[in-house]
Amino acid sequence: MSTEQPEWFFCLRHHTVEPEEGCKAADRLGPYSSRAEAERALDKVAERNETWDNDPNWSDDDEDK
């Protein structure tokens, strides 16, 4: 019996959480250490995007022109 914790992934094609034996890596986010963490994958992406969009040190706007 393995003592290693299973890894979980969020499948972008099926919008489901799946174990390592799932869809190809290009269609997934992860790995996550728990199923609950994988279930929040899209929320986490949205939170990070919001943070980056509002980061004053990063901007796609060219204000020097």
PDB file of N, CA and C in Angstrom:
ATOM      1  N   MET A   1       0.845  -1.185   0.000  1.00  0.00           N
ATOM      2  CA  MET A   1       0.000   0.000   0.000  1.00  0.00           C
ATOM      3  C   MET A   1       0.888   1.244   0.000  1.00  0.00           C
ATOM      4  N   SER A   2       0.578   2.190  -0.842  1.00  0.00           N
ATOM      5  CA  SER A   2       1.373   3.406  -0.965  1.00  0.00           C
ATOM      6  C   SER A   2       0.992   4.408   0.115  1.00  0.00           C
ATOM      7  N   THR A   3       2.000   5.081   0.659  1.00  0.00           N
ATOM      8  CA  THR A   3       1.745   6.112   1.666  1.00  0.00           C
ATOM      9  C   THR A   3       1.659   7.489   1.010  1.00  0.00           C
ATOM     10  N   GLU A   4       1.865   7.516  -0.300  1.00  0.00           N
ATOM     11  CA  GLU A   4       1.834   8.779  -1.026  1.00  0.00           C
ATOM     12  C   GLU A   4       0.397   9.279  -1.179  1.00  0.00           C
ATOM     13  N   GLN A   5       0.200  10.571  -0.955  1.00  0.00           N
ATOM     14  CA  GLN A   5      -1.123  11.180  -1.108  1.00  0.00           C
ATOM     15  C   GLN A   5      -1.488  11.255  -2.587  1.00  0.00           C
ATOM     16  N   PRO A   6      -2.727  10.978  -2.938  1.00  0.00           N
ATOM     17  CA  PRO A   6      -3.126  11.108  -4.349  1.00  0.00           C
ATOM     18  C   PRO A   6      -3.140  12.577  -4.766  1.00  0.00           C
ATOM     19  N   GLU A   7      -2.902  12.804  -6.035  1.00  0.00           N
ATOM     20  CA  GLU A   7      -2.981  14.150  -6.581  1.00  0.00           C
ATOM     21  C   GLU A   7      -4.290  14.274  -7.360  1.00  0.00           C
ATOM     22  N   TRP A   8      -4.856  15.474  -7.334  1.00  0.00           N
ATOM     23  CA  TRP A   8      -6.124  15.742  -7.999  1.00  0.00           C
ATOM     24  C   TRP A   8      -5.937  16.832  -9.041  1.00  0.00           C
ATOM     25  N   PHE A   9      -6.758  16.777 -10.071  1.00  0.00           N
ATOM     26  CA  PHE A   9      -6.690  17.717 -11.179  1.00  0.00           C
ATOM     27  C   PHE A   9      -8.087  18.211 -11.504  1.00  0.00           C
ATOM     28  N   PHE A  10      -8.161  19.422 -12.079  1.00  0.00           N
ATOM     29  CA  PHE A  10      -9.437  19.939 -12.560  1.00  0.00           C
ATOM     30  C   PHE A  10      -9.406  19.869 -14.074  1.00  0.00           C
ATOM     31  N   CYS A  11     -10.335  19.129 -14.665  1.00  0.00           N
ATOM     32  CA  CYS A  11     -10.396  18.959 -16.114  1.00  0.00           C
ATOM     33  C   CYS A  11     -11.169  20.127 -16.729  1.00  0.00           C
ATOM     34  N   LEU A  12     -10.496  20.847 -17.621  1.00  0.00           N
ATOM     35  CA  LEU A  12     -11.120  22.000 -18.280  1.00  0.00           C
ATOM     36  C   LEU A  12     -12.119  21.583 -19.358  1.00  0.00           C
ATOM     37  N   ARG A  13     -11.991  20.400 -19.882  1.00  0.00           N
ATOM     38  CA  ARG A  13     -12.934  19.908 -20.901  1.00  0.00           C
ATOM     39  C   ARG A  13     -14.254  19.491 -20.271  1.00  0.00           C
ATOM     40  N   HIS A  14     -14.178  18.791 -19.152  1.00  0.00           N
ATOM     41  CA  HIS A  14     -15.370  18.217 -18.525  1.00  0.00           C
ATOM     42  C   HIS A  14     -15.851  18.990 -17.299  1.00  0.00           C
ATOM     43  N   HIS A  15     -15.054  19.972 -16.855  1.00  0.00           N
ATOM     44  CA  HIS A  15     -15.364  20.751 -15.649  1.00  0.00           C
ATOM     45  C   HIS A  15     -15.640  19.850 -14.456  1.00  0.00           C
ATOM     46  N   THR A  16     -14.742  18.880 -14.296  1.00  0.00           N
ATOM     47  CA  THR A  16     -14.833  17.952 -13.174  1.00  0.00           C
ATOM     48  C   THR A  16     -13.456  17.767 -12.553  1.00  0.00           C
ATOM     49  N   VAL A  17     -13.455  17.286 -11.324  1.00  0.00           N
ATOM     50  CA  VAL A  17     -12.221  16.924 -10.636  1.00  0.00           C
ATOM     51  C   VAL A  17     -11.944  15.465 -10.967  1.00  0.00           C
ATOM     52  N   GLU A  18     -10.675  15.182 -11.245  1.00  0.00           N
ATOM     53  CA  GLU A  18     -10.316  13.810 -11.584  1.00  0.00           C
ATOM     54  C   GLU A  18      -8.965  13.451 -10.972  1.00  0.00           C
ATOM     55  N   PRO A  19      -8.731  12.146 -10.804  1.00  0.00           N
ATOM     56  CA  PRO A  19      -7.432  11.709 -10.285  1.00  0.00           C
ATOM     57  C   PRO A  19      -6.378  11.783 -11.381  1.00  0.00           C
ATOM     58  N   GLU A  20      -5.175  11.359 -11.038  1.00  0.00           N
ATOM     59  CA  GLU A  20      -4.059  11.432 -11.989  1.00  0.00           C
ATOM     60  C   GLU A  20      -4.381  10.707 -13.297  1.00  0.00           C
ATOM     61  N   GLU A  21      -5.089   9.620 -13.225  1.00  0.00           N
ATOM     62  CA  GLU A  21      -5.466   8.871 -14.419  1.00  0.00           C
ATOM     63  C   GLU A  21      -6.702   9.520 -15.037  1.00  0.00           C
ATOM     64  N   GLY A  22      -6.513  10.592 -15.748  1.00  0.00           N
ATOM     65  CA  GLY A  22      -7.633  11.316 -16.338  1.00  0.00           C
ATOM     66  C   GLY A  22      -7.264  11.842 -17.706  1.00  0.00           C
ATOM     67  N   CYS A  23      -7.828  12.960 -18.060  1.00  0.00           N
ATOM     68  CA  CYS A  23      -7.582  13.571 -19.357  1.00  0.00           C
ATOM     69  C   CYS A  23      -6.127  14.018 -19.479  1.00  0.00           C
ATOM     70  N   LYS A  24      -5.734  14.364 -20.700  1.00  0.00           N
ATOM     71  CA  LYS A  24      -4.342  14.766 -20.938  1.00  0.00           C
ATOM     72  C   LYS A  24      -4.024  16.069 -20.191  1.00  0.00           C
ATOM     73  N   ALA A  25      -2.753  16.248 -19.910  1.00  0.00           N
ATOM     74  CA  ALA A  25      -2.295  17.379 -19.102  1.00  0.00           C
ATOM     75  C   ALA A  25      -2.683  18.728 -19.698  1.00  0.00           C
ATOM     76  N   ALA A  26      -2.723  18.843 -21.016  1.00  0.00           N
ATOM     77  CA  ALA A  26      -3.057  20.119 -21.656  1.00  0.00           C
ATOM     78  C   ALA A  26      -4.486  20.560 -21.354  1.00  0.00           C
ATOM     79  N   ASP A  27      -5.323  19.633 -20.917  1.00  0.00           N
ATOM     80  CA  ASP A  27      -6.728  19.941 -20.623  1.00  0.00           C
ATOM     81  C   ASP A  27      -7.012  20.056 -19.137  1.00  0.00           C
ATOM     82  N   ARG A  28      -5.945  20.123 -18.316  1.00  0.00           N
ATOM     83  CA  ARG A  28      -6.165  20.092 -16.872  1.00  0.00           C
ATOM     84  C   ARG A  28      -5.385  21.169 -16.146  1.00  0.00           C
ATOM     85  N   LEU A  29      -5.872  21.515 -14.960  1.00  0.00           N
ATOM     86  CA  LEU A  29      -5.163  22.363 -14.007  1.00  0.00           C
ATOM     87  C   LEU A  29      -4.759  21.475 -12.851  1.00  0.00           C
ATOM     88  N   GLY A  30      -3.585  21.720 -12.314  1.00  0.00           N
ATOM     89  CA  GLY A  30      -3.140  20.942 -11.174  1.00  0.00           C
ATOM     90  C   GLY A  30      -1.710  20.489 -11.364  1.00  0.00           C
ATOM     91  N   PRO A  31      -1.235  19.716 -10.474  1.00  0.00           N
ATOM     92  CA  PRO A  31      -1.961  18.928  -9.483  1.00  0.00           C
ATOM     93  C   PRO A  31      -2.268  19.703  -8.203  1.00  0.00           C
ATOM     94  N   TYR A  32      -3.291  19.245  -7.534  1.00  0.00           N
ATOM     95  CA  TYR A  32      -3.696  19.778  -6.237  1.00  0.00           C
ATOM     96  C   TYR A  32      -3.584  18.670  -5.210  1.00  0.00           C
ATOM     97  N   SER A  33      -3.343  19.047  -3.976  1.00  0.00           N
ATOM     98  CA  SER A  33      -3.123  18.053  -2.928  1.00  0.00           C
ATOM     99  C   SER A  33      -4.414  17.456  -2.375  1.00  0.00           C
ATOM    100  N   SER A  34      -5.543  18.078  -2.664  1.00  0.00           N
ATOM    101  CA  SER A  34      -6.819  17.529  -2.191  1.00  0.00           C
ATOM    102  C   SER A  34      -7.897  17.733  -3.243  1.00  0.00           C
ATOM    103  N   ARG A  35      -8.926  16.937  -3.143  1.00  0.00           N
ATOM    104  CA  ARG A  35     -10.065  17.055  -4.056  1.00  0.00           C
ATOM    105  C   ARG A  35     -10.731  18.426  -3.888  1.00  0.00           C
ATOM    106  N   ALA A  36     -10.864  18.878  -2.642  1.00  0.00           N
ATOM    107  CA  ALA A  36     -11.497  20.175  -2.366  1.00  0.00           C
ATOM    108  C   ALA A  36     -10.716  21.320  -3.005  1.00  0.00           C
ATOM    109  N   GLU A  37      -9.387  21.244  -2.948  1.00  0.00           N
ATOM    110  CA  GLU A  37      -8.559  22.272  -3.559  1.00  0.00           C
ATOM    111  C   GLU A  37      -8.749  22.275  -5.084  1.00  0.00           C
ATOM    112  N   ALA A  38      -8.819  21.099  -5.688  1.00  0.00           N
ATOM    113  CA  ALA A  38      -9.043  20.998  -7.132  1.00  0.00           C
ATOM    114  C   ALA A  38     -10.420  21.536  -7.524  1.00  0.00           C
ATOM    115  N   GLU A  39     -11.412  21.346  -6.673  1.00  0.00           N
ATOM    116  CA  GLU A  39     -12.754  21.865  -6.949  1.00  0.00           C
ATOM    117  C   GLU A  39     -12.777  23.389  -7.028  1.00  0.00           C
ATOM    118  N   ARG A  40     -11.836  24.039  -6.353  1.00  0.00           N
ATOM    119  CA  ARG A  40     -11.755  25.506  -6.346  1.00  0.00           C
ATOM    120  C   ARG A  40     -10.816  26.059  -7.422  1.00  0.00           C
ATOM    121  N   ALA A  41     -10.370  25.219  -8.333  1.00  0.00           N
ATOM    122  CA  ALA A  41      -9.357  25.614  -9.318  1.00  0.00           C
ATOM    123  C   ALA A  41      -9.762  26.852 -10.106  1.00  0.00           C
ATOM    124  N   LEU A  42     -10.971  26.894 -10.624  1.00  0.00           N
ATOM    125  CA  LEU A  42     -11.391  28.051 -11.424  1.00  0.00           C
ATOM    126  C   LEU A  42     -11.561  29.300 -10.571  1.00  0.00           C
ATOM    127  N   ASP A  43     -11.991  29.134  -9.328  1.00  0.00           N
ATOM    128  CA  ASP A  43     -12.076  30.279  -8.412  1.00  0.00           C
ATOM    129  C   ASP A  43     -10.687  30.850  -8.154  1.00  0.00           C
ATOM    130  N   LYS A  44      -9.720  29.962  -7.962  1.00  0.00           N
ATOM    131  CA  LYS A  44      -8.339  30.387  -7.716  1.00  0.00           C
ATOM    132  C   LYS A  44      -7.776  31.129  -8.928  1.00  0.00           C
ATOM    133  N   VAL A  45      -8.064  30.631 -10.125  1.00  0.00           N
ATOM    134  CA  VAL A  45      -7.621  31.308 -11.349  1.00  0.00           C
ATOM    135  C   VAL A  45      -8.220  32.711 -11.413  1.00  0.00           C
ATOM    136  N   ALA A  46      -9.515  32.829 -11.144  1.00  0.00           N
ATOM    137  CA  ALA A  46     -10.187  34.132 -11.185  1.00  0.00           C
ATOM    138  C   ALA A  46      -9.592  35.088 -10.145  1.00  0.00           C
ATOM    139  N   GLU A  47      -9.316  34.577  -8.948  1.00  0.00           N
ATOM    140  CA  GLU A  47      -8.715  35.414  -7.894  1.00  0.00           C
ATOM    141  C   GLU A  47      -7.331  35.907  -8.311  1.00  0.00           C
ATOM    142  N   ARG A  48      -6.529  35.035  -8.884  1.00  0.00           N
ATOM    143  CA  ARG A  48      -5.189  35.441  -9.326  1.00  0.00           C
ATOM    144  C   ARG A  48      -5.264  36.451 -10.460  1.00  0.00           C
ATOM    145  N   ASN A  49      -6.160  36.225 -11.396  1.00  0.00           N
ATOM    146  CA  ASN A  49      -6.315  37.172 -12.507  1.00  0.00           C
ATOM    147  C   ASN A  49      -6.725  38.544 -12.000  1.00  0.00           C
ATOM    148  N   GLU A  50      -7.620  38.580 -11.046  1.00  0.00           N
ATOM    149  CA  GLU A  50      -8.067  39.846 -10.462  1.00  0.00           C
ATOM    150  C   GLU A  50      -6.896  40.564  -9.795  1.00  0.00           C
ATOM    151  N   THR A  51      -6.103  39.813  -9.057  1.00  0.00           N
ATOM    152  CA  THR A  51      -4.928  40.391  -8.391  1.00  0.00           C
ATOM    153  C   THR A  51      -3.960  40.949  -9.422  1.00  0.00           C
ATOM    154  N   TRP A  52      -3.678  40.192 -10.465  1.00  0.00           N
ATOM    155  CA  TRP A  52      -2.733  40.640 -11.487  1.00  0.00           C
ATOM    156  C   TRP A  52      -3.290  41.824 -12.275  1.00  0.00           C
ATOM    157  N   ASP A  53      -4.594  41.807 -12.549  1.00  0.00           N
ATOM    158  CA  ASP A  53      -5.202  42.924 -13.281  1.00  0.00           C
ATOM    159  C   ASP A  53      -5.105  44.232 -12.517  1.00  0.00           C
ATOM    160  N   ASN A  54      -5.069  44.151 -11.198  1.00  0.00           N
ATOM    161  CA  ASN A  54      -5.039  45.346 -10.367  1.00  0.00           C
ATOM    162  C   ASN A  54      -3.665  45.624  -9.752  1.00  0.00           C
ATOM    163  N   ASP A  55      -2.646  44.943 -10.211  1.00  0.00           N
ATOM    164  CA  ASP A  55      -1.296  45.141  -9.703  1.00  0.00           C
ATOM    165  C   ASP A  55      -0.696  46.394 -10.339  1.00  0.00           C
ATOM    166  N   PRO A  56      -0.370  47.416  -9.546  1.00  0.00           N
ATOM    167  CA  PRO A  56       0.162  48.655 -10.114  1.00  0.00           C
ATOM    168  C   PRO A  56       1.550  48.486 -10.741  1.00  0.00           C
ATOM    169  N   ASN A  57       2.232  47.387 -10.427  1.00  0.00           N
ATOM    170  CA  ASN A  57       3.560  47.143 -10.991  1.00  0.00           C
ATOM    171  C   ASN A  57       3.509  46.413 -12.325  1.00  0.00           C
ATOM    172  N   TRP A  58       2.319  46.040 -12.773  1.00  0.00           N
ATOM    173  CA  TRP A  58       2.178  45.315 -14.029  1.00  0.00           C
ATOM    174  C   TRP A  58       1.017  45.910 -14.807  1.00  0.00           C
ATOM    175  N   SER A  59       1.281  46.279 -16.027  1.00  0.00           N
ATOM    176  CA  SER A  59       0.219  46.854 -16.841  1.00  0.00           C
ATOM    177  C   SER A  59       0.525  46.629 -18.306  1.00  0.00           C
ATOM    178  N   ASP A  60      -0.487  46.304 -19.079  1.00  0.00           N
ATOM    179  CA  ASP A  60      -0.343  46.172 -20.529  1.00  0.00           C
ATOM    180  C   ASP A  60      -0.486  47.517 -21.209  1.00  0.00           C
ATOM    181  N   ASP A  61      -0.957  48.518 -20.473  1.00  0.00           N
ATOM    182  CA  ASP A  61      -1.120  49.855 -21.024  1.00  0.00           C
ATOM    183  C   ASP A  61       0.252  50.507 -21.170  1.00  0.00           C
ATOM    184  N   ASP A  62       0.489  51.073 -22.320  1.00  0.00           N
ATOM    185  CA  ASP A  62       1.764  51.771 -22.552  1.00  0.00           C
ATOM    186  C   ASP A  62       1.551  53.253 -22.237  1.00  0.00           C
ATOM    187  N   GLU A  63       1.819  53.617 -21.000  1.00  0.00           N
ATOM    188  CA  GLU A  63       1.564  54.983 -20.552  1.00  0.00           C
ATOM    189  C   GLU A  63       2.675  55.945 -20.940  1.00  0.00           C
ATOM    190  N   ASP A  64       3.797  55.437 -21.475  1.00  0.00           N
ATOM    191  CA  ASP A  64       4.923  56.289 -21.837  1.00  0.00           C
ATOM    192  C   ASP A  64       4.754  56.940 -23.197  1.00  0.00           C
ATOM    193  N   LYS A  65       3.788  56.508 -23.980  1.00  0.00           N
ATOM    194  CA  LYS A  65       3.603  57.071 -25.331  1.00  0.00           C
ATOM    195  C   LYS A  65       2.744  58.296 -25.305  1.00  0.00           C
TER     196      LYS A  65
END
